[in-house]
Amino acid sequence: MAPPTDYPPRRSILDKPILIAIPILIGLFLTRSPFFMTAPALDPAAAGGVAWADAPIKLVTTPQYETKKTDIFTTGATHMALLHNAILRGYNSIYQQAPRVQPGDAADFVGYALTWHKFVASHHDDEEATLFPKVEAVLGNDTTIWAETHKEHEAFLGGLARLEKYLRGVQEKGKVPATAFDGEELVSIMGSFREPFETHFHREVATIAALAEHPKAPAPGTPEAEEAAATFKSWGKATVTKAGTLDVVPFFLLNLDGTAEEGLWANWPPMPAPIKWGLVNVAGAWHGRWWKFSSCAGGRPRKLYALE
């Protein structure tokens, strides 16, 4: 009898992607994870003039902290303020560090700054396409409530586009040689749209909080009020994640200060601690070298890397 010829093919390690992925992921974690960031913590209130990411743009005071109200619009505005403050700390951390970035760190800094741009652009687009129409519907299809907000958006979008164009131009030069990146030029571009940017990121929070007085605002405890609350909650949960799990999400979480406003928001956004840890320290390891420029670590302020 002839020997069988239909032996199963010999399998290689290459046929088991998980066996390849595991050591790669472990290597990324050990060499790039924000878990190993060692920059000293900082108490901005007692910093004695040490620069931190609360300037040049002033951070937003949350409506709940300021008024102690808990209606759906005050709550929605508060969560928007917390999101905005992560973006503003990003702006401030880029603005302050840009002139002090060393040539060897330029590529990482450009990656950090482009992630900020991606965060802002995605935030803007998602508001216009998703949040604003849903809130209009809650308030009887009132299309006038965002009139000033739309104008505020338009006032800084040109400057935001110039910032991206500059950063992309630097990035295209490969490894970002010292002659390609000019921190002072970047600061100049950011300064060109700083005023309308700051105005909008403060006013939009106030605009949302004021909707509690709208004649068609749903009464507390009604199905309409529950629908409005669900609108803010679902949008807030999805807007950062859809922007990018490996870049925007770590950027966002590493620019959250859990000590602000007497620690009231230390556990915001609400999510299981292991998931938050993984988003920062595992997903964040993919672009881990970028996050040394972040303003916070572990929910606490940290000294700005380029200013040490």
C-alpha atoms as a PDB file:
ATOM      1  CA  MET A   1       0.000   0.000   0.000  1.00  0.00           C
ATOM      2  CA  ALA A   2       1.345   3.405  -0.931  1.00  0.00           C
ATOM      3  CA  PRO A   3       2.006   5.773   1.983  1.00  0.00           C
ATOM      4  CA  PRO A   4      -0.628   8.489   2.463  1.00  0.00           C
ATOM      5  CA  THR A   5       0.209  11.798   0.859  1.00  0.00           C
ATOM      6  CA  ASP A   6      -2.384  14.038   2.527  1.00  0.00           C
ATOM      7  CA  TYR A   7      -0.534  14.901   5.706  1.00  0.00           C
ATOM      8  CA  PRO A   8      -1.655  18.247   7.121  1.00  0.00           C
ATOM      9  CA  PRO A   9       0.781  20.997   6.132  1.00  0.00           C
ATOM     10  CA  ARG A  10       3.441  21.894   8.648  1.00  0.00           C
ATOM     11  CA  ARG A  11       2.399  25.076  10.463  1.00  0.00           C
ATOM     12  CA  SER A  12       4.792  27.934  11.028  1.00  0.00           C
ATOM     13  CA  ILE A  13       4.785  30.541  13.802  1.00  0.00           C
ATOM     14  CA  LEU A  14       3.846  32.953  11.005  1.00  0.00           C
ATOM     15  CA  ASP A  15       0.475  31.199  10.832  1.00  0.00           C
ATOM     16  CA  LYS A  16      -0.275  32.304  14.384  1.00  0.00           C
ATOM     17  CA  PRO A  17      -0.353  36.105  14.364  1.00  0.00           C
ATOM     18  CA  ILE A  18      -1.061  36.225  18.070  1.00  0.00           C
ATOM     19  CA  LEU A  19       2.338  34.647  18.775  1.00  0.00           C
ATOM     20  CA  ILE A  20       3.956  37.455  16.808  1.00  0.00           C
ATOM     21  CA  ALA A  21       1.785  40.228  18.211  1.00  0.00           C
ATOM     22  CA  ILE A  22       2.316  39.423  21.889  1.00  0.00           C
ATOM     23  CA  PRO A  23       6.090  40.091  22.015  1.00  0.00           C
ATOM     24  CA  ILE A  24       5.619  43.217  19.869  1.00  0.00           C
ATOM     25  CA  LEU A  25       2.996  44.560  22.262  1.00  0.00           C
ATOM     26  CA  ILE A  26       5.154  43.719  25.271  1.00  0.00           C
ATOM     27  CA  GLY A  27       8.095  45.493  23.661  1.00  0.00           C
ATOM     28  CA  LEU A  28       6.000  48.569  22.926  1.00  0.00           C
ATOM     29  CA  PHE A  29       4.723  48.642  26.498  1.00  0.00           C
ATOM     30  CA  LEU A  30       8.180  48.315  28.043  1.00  0.00           C
ATOM     31  CA  THR A  31       9.810  50.921  25.814  1.00  0.00           C
ATOM     32  CA  ARG A  32       7.072  53.450  25.115  1.00  0.00           C
ATOM     33  CA  SER A  33       4.226  53.167  27.601  1.00  0.00           C
ATOM     34  CA  PRO A  34       3.202  56.313  29.498  1.00  0.00           C
ATOM     35  CA  PHE A  35       3.210  54.021  32.545  1.00  0.00           C
ATOM     36  CA  PHE A  36       6.948  54.647  32.747  1.00  0.00           C
ATOM     37  CA  MET A  37       6.829  58.439  32.409  1.00  0.00           C
ATOM     38  CA  THR A  38       8.869  59.846  35.280  1.00  0.00           C
ATOM     39  CA  ALA A  39       8.326  63.598  34.968  1.00  0.00           C
ATOM     40  CA  PRO A  40       7.776  65.114  38.422  1.00  0.00           C
ATOM     41  CA  ALA A  41       4.264  65.925  39.558  1.00  0.00           C
ATOM     42  CA  LEU A  42       3.346  69.573  39.961  1.00  0.00           C
ATOM     43  CA  ASP A  43       0.875  71.490  42.080  1.00  0.00           C
ATOM     44  CA  PRO A  44      -0.055  74.488  39.861  1.00  0.00           C
ATOM     45  CA  ALA A  45      -1.524  76.345  42.846  1.00  0.00           C
ATOM     46  CA  ALA A  46       1.794  76.163  44.691  1.00  0.00           C
ATOM     47  CA  ALA A  47       4.165  76.196  41.746  1.00  0.00           C
ATOM     48  CA  GLY A  48       5.687  79.546  42.601  1.00  0.00           C
ATOM     49  CA  GLY A  49       5.727  80.832  39.047  1.00  0.00           C
ATOM     50  CA  VAL A  50       6.565  77.517  37.372  1.00  0.00           C
ATOM     51  CA  ALA A  51       4.948  77.467  33.938  1.00  0.00           C
ATOM     52  CA  TRP A  52       2.165  74.945  33.453  1.00  0.00           C
ATOM     53  CA  ALA A  53      -0.620  74.273  30.974  1.00  0.00           C
ATOM     54  CA  ASP A  54      -3.102  76.741  32.497  1.00  0.00           C
ATOM     55  CA  ALA A  55      -1.798  79.574  30.296  1.00  0.00           C
ATOM     56  CA  PRO A  56      -1.844  81.450  27.982  1.00  0.00           C
ATOM     57  CA  ILE A  57      -5.473  80.383  27.455  1.00  0.00           C
ATOM     58  CA  LYS A  58      -7.463  80.407  30.670  1.00  0.00           C
ATOM     59  CA  LEU A  59      -9.136  77.124  31.569  1.00  0.00           C
ATOM     60  CA  VAL A  60     -12.939  76.887  31.808  1.00  0.00           C
ATOM     61  CA  THR A  61     -14.701  76.770  35.175  1.00  0.00           C
ATOM     62  CA  THR A  62     -17.366  74.070  35.026  1.00  0.00           C
ATOM     63  CA  PRO A  63     -20.961  75.304  35.446  1.00  0.00           C
ATOM     64  CA  GLN A  64     -21.717  72.650  38.070  1.00  0.00           C
ATOM     65  CA  TYR A  65     -18.803  73.782  40.216  1.00  0.00           C
ATOM     66  CA  GLU A  66     -19.728  77.420  39.726  1.00  0.00           C
ATOM     67  CA  THR A  67     -23.524  77.249  40.185  1.00  0.00           C
ATOM     68  CA  LYS A  68     -24.117  73.897  41.955  1.00  0.00           C
ATOM     69  CA  LYS A  69     -27.023  73.275  39.558  1.00  0.00           C
ATOM     70  CA  THR A  70     -27.659  69.740  38.298  1.00  0.00           C
ATOM     71  CA  ASP A  71     -30.192  70.157  35.480  1.00  0.00           C
ATOM     72  CA  ILE A  72     -29.472  68.330  32.233  1.00  0.00           C
ATOM     73  CA  PHE A  73     -28.061  71.362  30.439  1.00  0.00           C
ATOM     74  CA  THR A  74     -25.799  72.413  33.306  1.00  0.00           C
ATOM     75  CA  THR A  75     -24.552  68.838  33.491  1.00  0.00           C
ATOM     76  CA  GLY A  76     -24.072  68.655  29.713  1.00  0.00           C
ATOM     77  CA  ALA A  77     -22.236  71.989  29.735  1.00  0.00           C
ATOM     78  CA  THR A  78     -20.032  70.785  32.589  1.00  0.00           C
ATOM     79  CA  HIS A  79     -18.959  67.696  30.687  1.00  0.00           C
ATOM     80  CA  MET A  80     -18.291  69.889  27.656  1.00  0.00           C
ATOM     81  CA  ALA A  81     -16.141  72.153  29.845  1.00  0.00           C
ATOM     82  CA  LEU A  82     -14.085  69.187  31.038  1.00  0.00           C
ATOM     83  CA  LEU A  83     -13.556  68.078  27.438  1.00  0.00           C
ATOM     84  CA  HIS A  84     -12.672  71.632  26.424  1.00  0.00           C
ATOM     85  CA  ASN A  85     -10.141  71.929  29.241  1.00  0.00           C
ATOM     86  CA  ALA A  86      -8.272  68.874  27.959  1.00  0.00           C
ATOM     87  CA  ILE A  87      -8.091  70.591  24.562  1.00  0.00           C
ATOM     88  CA  LEU A  88      -7.017  73.904  26.133  1.00  0.00           C
ATOM     89  CA  ARG A  89      -4.289  72.213  28.184  1.00  0.00           C
ATOM     90  CA  GLY A  90      -3.164  70.682  24.913  1.00  0.00           C
ATOM     91  CA  TYR A  91      -3.019  74.103  23.260  1.00  0.00           C
ATOM     92  CA  ASN A  92      -1.149  75.596  26.208  1.00  0.00           C
ATOM     93  CA  SER A  93       1.313  72.722  26.469  1.00  0.00           C
ATOM     94  CA  ILE A  94       2.167  73.056  22.768  1.00  0.00           C
ATOM     95  CA  TYR A  95       2.354  76.859  22.873  1.00  0.00           C
ATOM     96  CA  GLN A  96       4.657  76.916  25.893  1.00  0.00           C
ATOM     97  CA  GLN A  97       6.963  74.098  24.872  1.00  0.00           C
ATOM     98  CA  ALA A  98       7.348  74.793  21.143  1.00  0.00           C
ATOM     99  CA  PRO A  99      10.223  77.314  21.445  1.00  0.00           C
ATOM    100  CA  ARG A 100      12.153  74.981  23.772  1.00  0.00           C
ATOM    101  CA  VAL A 101      11.877  71.707  21.839  1.00  0.00           C
ATOM    102  CA  GLN A 102      15.266  70.138  21.182  1.00  0.00           C
ATOM    103  CA  PRO A 103      16.130  68.855  17.672  1.00  0.00           C
ATOM    104  CA  GLY A 104      16.068  65.237  18.812  1.00  0.00           C
ATOM    105  CA  ASP A 105      12.523  65.652  20.148  1.00  0.00           C
ATOM    106  CA  ALA A 106      11.090  67.573  17.204  1.00  0.00           C
ATOM    107  CA  ALA A 107       9.498  64.576  15.439  1.00  0.00           C
ATOM    108  CA  ASP A 108       7.737  63.497  18.632  1.00  0.00           C
ATOM    109  CA  PHE A 109       6.566  67.030  19.324  1.00  0.00           C
ATOM    110  CA  VAL A 110       5.131  67.372  15.821  1.00  0.00           C
ATOM    111  CA  GLY A 111       3.262  64.098  16.375  1.00  0.00           C
ATOM    112  CA  TYR A 112       1.887  65.441  19.660  1.00  0.00           C
ATOM    113  CA  ALA A 113       0.822  68.724  18.047  1.00  0.00           C
ATOM    114  CA  LEU A 114      -0.814  66.990  15.075  1.00  0.00           C
ATOM    115  CA  THR A 115      -2.768  64.806  17.490  1.00  0.00           C
ATOM    116  CA  TRP A 116      -4.044  67.962  19.150  1.00  0.00           C
ATOM    117  CA  HIS A 117      -5.128  69.269  15.754  1.00  0.00           C
ATOM    118  CA  LYS A 118      -6.873  65.974  14.985  1.00  0.00           C
ATOM    119  CA  PHE A 119      -8.653  66.151  18.355  1.00  0.00           C
ATOM    120  CA  VAL A 120      -9.917  69.693  17.751  1.00  0.00           C
ATOM    121  CA  ALA A 121     -10.949  69.057  14.137  1.00  0.00           C
ATOM    122  CA  SER A 122     -12.799  65.870  15.059  1.00  0.00           C
ATOM    123  CA  HIS A 123     -14.478  67.597  18.013  1.00  0.00           C
ATOM    124  CA  HIS A 124     -15.684  70.418  15.772  1.00  0.00           C
ATOM    125  CA  ASP A 125     -16.959  68.116  13.024  1.00  0.00           C
ATOM    126  CA  ASP A 126     -18.759  65.839  15.478  1.00  0.00           C
ATOM    127  CA  GLU A 127     -20.491  68.783  17.138  1.00  0.00           C
ATOM    128  CA  GLU A 128     -21.714  70.178  13.845  1.00  0.00           C
ATOM    129  CA  ALA A 129     -22.821  66.828  12.420  1.00  0.00           C
ATOM    130  CA  THR A 130     -24.199  65.075  15.500  1.00  0.00           C
ATOM    131  CA  LEU A 131     -24.575  67.009  18.745  1.00  0.00           C
ATOM    132  CA  PHE A 132     -26.015  70.291  17.507  1.00  0.00           C
ATOM    133  CA  PRO A 133     -28.859  68.751  15.429  1.00  0.00           C
ATOM    134  CA  LYS A 134     -29.818  66.432  18.307  1.00  0.00           C
ATOM    135  CA  VAL A 135     -30.021  69.288  20.809  1.00  0.00           C
ATOM    136  CA  GLU A 136     -32.029  71.358  18.323  1.00  0.00           C
ATOM    137  CA  ALA A 137     -34.506  68.478  18.082  1.00  0.00           C
ATOM    138  CA  VAL A 138     -34.823  68.292  21.871  1.00  0.00           C
ATOM    139  CA  LEU A 139     -35.713  72.000  21.906  1.00  0.00           C
ATOM    140  CA  GLY A 140     -38.467  71.840  19.332  1.00  0.00           C
ATOM    141  CA  ASN A 141     -36.205  71.950  16.270  1.00  0.00           C
ATOM    142  CA  ASP A 142     -34.964  75.412  17.190  1.00  0.00           C
ATOM    143  CA  THR A 143     -32.195  76.046  14.661  1.00  0.00           C
ATOM    144  CA  THR A 144     -31.283  79.432  16.126  1.00  0.00           C
ATOM    145  CA  ILE A 145     -29.632  78.195  19.335  1.00  0.00           C
ATOM    146  CA  TRP A 146     -26.227  77.617  17.711  1.00  0.00           C
ATOM    147  CA  ALA A 147     -26.129  80.736  15.525  1.00  0.00           C
ATOM    148  CA  GLU A 148     -23.310  82.400  17.467  1.00  0.00           C
ATOM    149  CA  THR A 149     -21.524  79.086  17.974  1.00  0.00           C
ATOM    150  CA  HIS A 150     -21.307  78.513  14.211  1.00  0.00           C
ATOM    151  CA  LYS A 151     -19.757  81.986  13.816  1.00  0.00           C
ATOM    152  CA  GLU A 152     -17.273  81.257  16.596  1.00  0.00           C
ATOM    153  CA  HIS A 153     -16.210  78.056  14.827  1.00  0.00           C
ATOM    154  CA  GLU A 154     -15.626  79.890  11.574  1.00  0.00           C
ATOM    155  CA  ALA A 155     -13.469  82.481  13.324  1.00  0.00           C
ATOM    156  CA  PHE A 156     -10.679  80.037  14.192  1.00  0.00           C
ATOM    157  CA  LEU A 157     -10.908  77.331  11.511  1.00  0.00           C
ATOM    158  CA  GLY A 158      -8.593  79.227   9.141  1.00  0.00           C
ATOM    159  CA  GLY A 159      -5.865  79.429  11.769  1.00  0.00           C
ATOM    160  CA  LEU A 160      -6.325  75.770  12.615  1.00  0.00           C
ATOM    161  CA  ALA A 161      -5.827  74.881   8.945  1.00  0.00           C
ATOM    162  CA  ARG A 162      -2.615  76.946   8.806  1.00  0.00           C
ATOM    163  CA  LEU A 163      -1.312  75.102  11.864  1.00  0.00           C
ATOM    164  CA  GLU A 164      -1.933  71.713  10.243  1.00  0.00           C
ATOM    165  CA  LYS A 165      -0.348  72.839   6.974  1.00  0.00           C
ATOM    166  CA  TYR A 166       2.788  73.961   8.795  1.00  0.00           C
ATOM    167  CA  LEU A 167       3.092  70.768  10.846  1.00  0.00           C
ATOM    168  CA  ARG A 168       2.484  68.533   7.820  1.00  0.00           C
ATOM    169  CA  GLY A 169       5.150  70.437   5.914  1.00  0.00           C
ATOM    170  CA  VAL A 170       7.645  69.814   8.695  1.00  0.00           C
ATOM    171  CA  GLN A 171       6.659  66.162   8.936  1.00  0.00           C
ATOM    172  CA  GLU A 172       7.173  65.637   5.214  1.00  0.00           C
ATOM    173  CA  LYS A 173      10.854  66.428   5.660  1.00  0.00           C
ATOM    174  CA  GLY A 174      11.377  62.973   7.131  1.00  0.00           C
ATOM    175  CA  LYS A 175      12.975  62.848  10.530  1.00  0.00           C
ATOM    176  CA  VAL A 176      12.300  66.516  11.225  1.00  0.00           C
ATOM    177  CA  PRO A 177      15.816  67.970  11.150  1.00  0.00           C
ATOM    178  CA  ALA A 178      16.571  70.963  13.318  1.00  0.00           C
ATOM    179  CA  THR A 179      16.193  73.290  10.349  1.00  0.00           C
ATOM    180  CA  ALA A 180      12.677  72.016   9.556  1.00  0.00           C
ATOM    181  CA  PHE A 181      10.943  72.792  12.839  1.00  0.00           C
ATOM    182  CA  ASP A 182      10.709  76.352  14.110  1.00  0.00           C
ATOM    183  CA  GLY A 183       8.983  76.624  17.474  1.00  0.00           C
ATOM    184  CA  GLU A 184       8.641  80.381  17.223  1.00  0.00           C
ATOM    185  CA  GLU A 185       6.852  80.068  13.890  1.00  0.00           C
ATOM    186  CA  LEU A 186       4.450  77.545  15.378  1.00  0.00           C
ATOM    187  CA  VAL A 187       3.743  79.876  18.311  1.00  0.00           C
ATOM    188  CA  SER A 188       3.093  82.705  15.857  1.00  0.00           C
ATOM    189  CA  ILE A 189       0.527  80.609  13.976  1.00  0.00           C
ATOM    190  CA  MET A 190      -1.168  79.576  17.224  1.00  0.00           C
ATOM    191  CA  GLY A 191      -1.233  83.168  18.394  1.00  0.00           C
ATOM    192  CA  SER A 192      -3.013  84.209  15.204  1.00  0.00           C
ATOM    193  CA  PHE A 193      -6.183  82.322  16.209  1.00  0.00           C
ATOM    194  CA  ARG A 194      -5.775  82.279  19.979  1.00  0.00           C
ATOM    195  CA  GLU A 195      -8.362  84.961  20.778  1.00  0.00           C
ATOM    196  CA  PRO A 196     -11.311  83.509  18.809  1.00  0.00           C
ATOM    197  CA  PHE A 197     -10.321  80.004  19.924  1.00  0.00           C
ATOM    198  CA  GLU A 198     -10.356  80.979  23.597  1.00  0.00           C
ATOM    199  CA  THR A 199     -13.601  82.914  23.192  1.00  0.00           C
ATOM    200  CA  HIS A 200     -15.372  79.963  21.616  1.00  0.00           C
ATOM    201  CA  PHE A 201     -14.199  77.311  24.054  1.00  0.00           C
ATOM    202  CA  HIS A 202     -15.530  79.381  26.944  1.00  0.00           C
ATOM    203  CA  ARG A 203     -18.718  80.705  25.333  1.00  0.00           C
ATOM    204  CA  GLU A 204     -19.935  77.369  24.028  1.00  0.00           C
ATOM    205  CA  VAL A 205     -20.049  76.033  27.588  1.00  0.00           C
ATOM    206  CA  ALA A 206     -22.093  79.056  28.682  1.00  0.00           C
ATOM    207  CA  THR A 207     -24.380  78.657  25.656  1.00  0.00           C
ATOM    208  CA  ILE A 208     -25.204  75.057  26.572  1.00  0.00           C
ATOM    209  CA  ALA A 209     -25.787  75.869  30.245  1.00  0.00           C
ATOM    210  CA  ALA A 210     -28.155  78.701  29.279  1.00  0.00           C
ATOM    211  CA  LEU A 211     -30.379  76.280  27.354  1.00  0.00           C
ATOM    212  CA  ALA A 212     -31.911  75.309  30.706  1.00  0.00           C
ATOM    213  CA  GLU A 213     -33.925  78.551  30.367  1.00  0.00           C
ATOM    214  CA  HIS A 214     -35.108  77.803  26.831  1.00  0.00           C
ATOM    215  CA  PRO A 215     -38.941  77.917  26.607  1.00  0.00           C
ATOM    216  CA  LYS A 216     -38.991  74.370  25.231  1.00  0.00           C
ATOM    217  CA  ALA A 217     -36.452  72.906  27.648  1.00  0.00           C
ATOM    218  CA  PRO A 218     -37.876  69.588  28.890  1.00  0.00           C
ATOM    219  CA  ALA A 219     -39.145  69.544  32.460  1.00  0.00           C
ATOM    220  CA  PRO A 220     -37.131  67.511  34.973  1.00  0.00           C
ATOM    221  CA  GLY A 221     -38.243  63.910  35.281  1.00  0.00           C
ATOM    222  CA  THR A 222     -40.013  63.752  31.925  1.00  0.00           C
ATOM    223  CA  PRO A 223     -39.176  61.324  29.111  1.00  0.00           C
ATOM    224  CA  GLU A 224     -37.973  64.317  27.093  1.00  0.00           C
ATOM    225  CA  ALA A 225     -35.516  65.234  29.839  1.00  0.00           C
ATOM    226  CA  GLU A 226     -34.234  61.662  29.916  1.00  0.00           C
ATOM    227  CA  GLU A 227     -33.820  61.784  26.150  1.00  0.00           C
ATOM    228  CA  ALA A 228     -31.833  65.020  26.370  1.00  0.00           C
ATOM    229  CA  ALA A 229     -29.602  63.603  29.099  1.00  0.00           C
ATOM    230  CA  ALA A 230     -29.009  60.483  27.002  1.00  0.00           C
ATOM    231  CA  THR A 231     -28.074  62.676  24.027  1.00  0.00           C
ATOM    232  CA  PHE A 232     -25.292  64.435  25.925  1.00  0.00           C
ATOM    233  CA  LYS A 233     -24.120  61.203  27.560  1.00  0.00           C
ATOM    234  CA  SER A 234     -23.913  59.135  24.388  1.00  0.00           C
ATOM    235  CA  TRP A 235     -22.277  61.918  22.393  1.00  0.00           C
ATOM    236  CA  GLY A 236     -19.694  62.596  25.085  1.00  0.00           C
ATOM    237  CA  LYS A 237     -18.865  58.909  25.383  1.00  0.00           C
ATOM    238  CA  ALA A 238     -18.347  58.421  21.655  1.00  0.00           C
ATOM    239  CA  THR A 239     -16.810  61.676  20.449  1.00  0.00           C
ATOM    240  CA  VAL A 240     -13.258  61.164  21.726  1.00  0.00           C
ATOM    241  CA  THR A 241     -13.104  57.434  21.003  1.00  0.00           C
ATOM    242  CA  LYS A 242     -14.154  57.828  17.381  1.00  0.00           C
ATOM    243  CA  ALA A 243     -11.390  60.406  16.877  1.00  0.00           C
ATOM    244  CA  GLY A 244      -8.674  57.791  17.446  1.00  0.00           C
ATOM    245  CA  THR A 245      -7.988  55.141  20.084  1.00  0.00           C
ATOM    246  CA  LEU A 246      -4.221  55.069  19.631  1.00  0.00           C
ATOM    247  CA  ASP A 247      -3.638  58.819  19.523  1.00  0.00           C
ATOM    248  CA  VAL A 248      -6.532  61.123  20.485  1.00  0.00           C
ATOM    249  CA  VAL A 249      -7.761  58.998  23.406  1.00  0.00           C
ATOM    250  CA  PRO A 250      -4.340  58.887  25.158  1.00  0.00           C
ATOM    251  CA  PHE A 251      -3.860  62.596  24.389  1.00  0.00           C
ATOM    252  CA  PHE A 252      -7.216  63.373  25.992  1.00  0.00           C
ATOM    253  CA  LEU A 253      -6.624  61.275  29.110  1.00  0.00           C
ATOM    254  CA  LEU A 254      -3.083  62.618  29.553  1.00  0.00           C
ATOM    255  CA  ASN A 255      -4.366  66.182  29.563  1.00  0.00           C
ATOM    256  CA  LEU A 256      -7.027  65.638  32.242  1.00  0.00           C
ATOM    257  CA  ASP A 257      -6.338  67.161  35.657  1.00  0.00           C
ATOM    258  CA  GLY A 258      -8.216  65.227  38.318  1.00  0.00           C
ATOM    259  CA  THR A 259      -7.072  67.645  41.021  1.00  0.00           C
ATOM    260  CA  ALA A 260      -8.922  70.638  39.534  1.00  0.00           C
ATOM    261  CA  GLU A 261     -11.962  72.120  41.285  1.00  0.00           C
ATOM    262  CA  GLU A 262     -11.134  70.407  44.559  1.00  0.00           C
ATOM    263  CA  GLY A 263     -10.868  67.018  42.895  1.00  0.00           C
ATOM    264  CA  LEU A 264     -14.549  66.995  41.940  1.00  0.00           C
ATOM    265  CA  TRP A 265     -13.795  65.353  38.587  1.00  0.00           C
ATOM    266  CA  ALA A 266     -11.065  62.923  39.667  1.00  0.00           C
ATOM    267  CA  ASN A 267     -13.083  59.980  38.310  1.00  0.00           C
ATOM    268  CA  TRP A 268     -14.236  61.647  35.095  1.00  0.00           C
ATOM    269  CA  PRO A 269     -14.906  60.372  32.520  1.00  0.00           C
ATOM    270  CA  PRO A 270     -16.673  57.507  34.277  1.00  0.00           C
ATOM    271  CA  MET A 271     -15.176  54.205  33.170  1.00  0.00           C
ATOM    272  CA  PRO A 272     -13.727  51.156  34.907  1.00  0.00           C
ATOM    273  CA  ALA A 273     -10.214  51.860  36.158  1.00  0.00           C
ATOM    274  CA  PRO A 274      -8.633  48.903  34.266  1.00  0.00           C
ATOM    275  CA  ILE A 275     -10.071  50.180  30.974  1.00  0.00           C
ATOM    276  CA  LYS A 276      -8.775  53.699  31.567  1.00  0.00           C
ATOM    277  CA  TRP A 277      -5.381  52.281  32.525  1.00  0.00           C
ATOM    278  CA  GLY A 278      -5.279  50.218  29.348  1.00  0.00           C
ATOM    279  CA  LEU A 279      -6.257  53.134  27.108  1.00  0.00           C
ATOM    280  CA  VAL A 280      -3.437  55.238  28.541  1.00  0.00           C
ATOM    281  CA  ASN A 281      -0.689  52.704  29.079  1.00  0.00           C
ATOM    282  CA  VAL A 282      -1.330  50.034  26.436  1.00  0.00           C
ATOM    283  CA  ALA A 283      -3.045  51.881  23.570  1.00  0.00           C
ATOM    284  CA  GLY A 284      -0.918  54.921  24.434  1.00  0.00           C
ATOM    285  CA  ALA A 285       2.272  52.919  23.967  1.00  0.00           C
ATOM    286  CA  TRP A 286       1.824  52.956  20.175  1.00  0.00           C
ATOM    287  CA  HIS A 287       2.842  56.628  20.043  1.00  0.00           C
ATOM    288  CA  GLY A 288       4.388  56.602  23.493  1.00  0.00           C
ATOM    289  CA  ARG A 289       7.203  59.056  22.783  1.00  0.00           C
ATOM    290  CA  TRP A 290       4.701  61.798  22.008  1.00  0.00           C
ATOM    291  CA  TRP A 291       3.143  61.871  25.454  1.00  0.00           C
ATOM    292  CA  LYS A 292       6.194  63.225  27.266  1.00  0.00           C
ATOM    293  CA  PHE A 293       4.862  66.623  26.202  1.00  0.00           C
ATOM    294  CA  SER A 294       1.481  66.110  27.917  1.00  0.00           C
ATOM    295  CA  SER A 295       0.395  68.288  30.815  1.00  0.00           C
ATOM    296  CA  CYS A 296      -0.756  65.502  33.153  1.00  0.00           C
ATOM    297  CA  ALA A 297      -0.035  61.905  34.081  1.00  0.00           C
ATOM    298  CA  GLY A 298      -2.255  59.697  36.190  1.00  0.00           C
ATOM    299  CA  GLY A 299      -4.754  62.534  36.427  1.00  0.00           C
ATOM    300  CA  ARG A 300      -2.266  64.906  38.040  1.00  0.00           C
ATOM    301  CA  PRO A 301      -0.371  67.915  36.648  1.00  0.00           C
ATOM    302  CA  ARG A 302       3.242  67.282  35.665  1.00  0.00           C
ATOM    303  CA  LYS A 303       6.097  69.603  34.778  1.00  0.00           C
ATOM    304  CA  LEU A 304       6.176  70.360  31.070  1.00  0.00           C
ATOM    305  CA  TYR A 305       8.923  68.231  29.536  1.00  0.00           C
ATOM    306  CA  ALA A 306      10.547  70.825  27.287  1.00  0.00           C
ATOM    307  CA  LEU A 307      10.674  73.372  30.132  1.00  0.00           C
ATOM    308  CA  GLU A 308      12.486  71.145  32.619  1.00  0.00           C
END
